[in-house]
Amino acid sequence: MIRTLLCALALACSASVAVACSGHSKQTQSCAPGTYWDAESQTCAKSANS
């Protein structure tokens, strides 16, 4: 019973946190080492080694 209540509380809190984050501005973030930003796919892609 307590475990079920804790799970329900955790799910309710995670949903409210996600809603609270909406409306914020975008932030820049670097791609991981060995990757680059691919503007066409809007994702980080692996760099080709030559």
Protein backbone atom coordinates (compact mmCIF):
# COMPACT_ATOMS: atom_id res chain seq x y z
CA MET A 1 0.00 0.00 0.00
CA ILE A 2 2.73 2.47 0.98
CA ARG A 3 4.81 1.49 -2.04
CA THR A 4 1.83 2.22 -4.33
CA LEU A 5 1.30 5.62 -2.73
CA LEU A 6 4.99 6.50 -3.09
CA CYS A 7 4.95 5.48 -6.76
CA ALA A 8 1.82 7.55 -7.38
CA LEU A 9 3.40 10.54 -5.64
CA ALA A 10 6.62 10.20 -7.66
CA LEU A 11 4.68 10.06 -10.93
CA ALA A 12 2.56 13.07 -9.98
CA CYS A 13 5.65 15.09 -9.02
CA SER A 14 7.55 14.22 -12.21
CA ALA A 15 4.59 15.34 -14.34
CA SER A 16 4.30 18.65 -12.48
CA VAL A 17 8.04 19.28 -12.87
CA ALA A 18 7.78 18.75 -16.63
CA VAL A 19 4.89 21.20 -16.83
CA ALA A 20 6.79 23.71 -14.71
CA CYS A 21 9.69 23.63 -17.18
CA SER A 22 7.56 24.49 -20.21
CA GLY A 23 7.84 28.08 -21.34
CA HIS A 24 11.54 28.43 -20.56
CA SER A 25 13.95 29.60 -23.23
CA LYS A 26 16.20 27.22 -25.12
CA GLN A 27 19.81 26.82 -24.00
CA THR A 28 22.85 25.95 -26.05
CA GLN A 29 24.69 22.72 -25.39
CA SER A 30 27.80 21.33 -26.99
CA CYS A 31 27.97 17.96 -28.70
CA ALA A 32 30.08 15.27 -27.08
CA PRO A 33 33.73 14.91 -28.08
CA GLY A 34 34.04 13.14 -31.43
CA THR A 35 30.69 14.46 -32.64
CA TYR A 36 29.47 17.60 -34.41
CA TRP A 37 26.12 19.40 -34.77
CA ASP A 38 24.27 18.30 -37.91
CA ALA A 39 21.87 21.14 -38.68
CA GLU A 40 19.87 19.07 -41.18
CA SER A 41 18.95 16.33 -38.70
CA GLN A 42 19.11 18.69 -35.67
CA THR A 43 21.23 16.17 -33.72
CA CYS A 44 24.84 15.48 -32.82
CA ALA A 45 26.45 13.13 -35.36
CA LYS A 46 29.65 11.12 -35.16
CA SER A 47 32.65 12.71 -36.86
CA ALA A 48 34.22 10.70 -39.67
CA ASN A 49 37.85 9.83 -38.89
CA SER A 50 40.25 10.00 -41.81
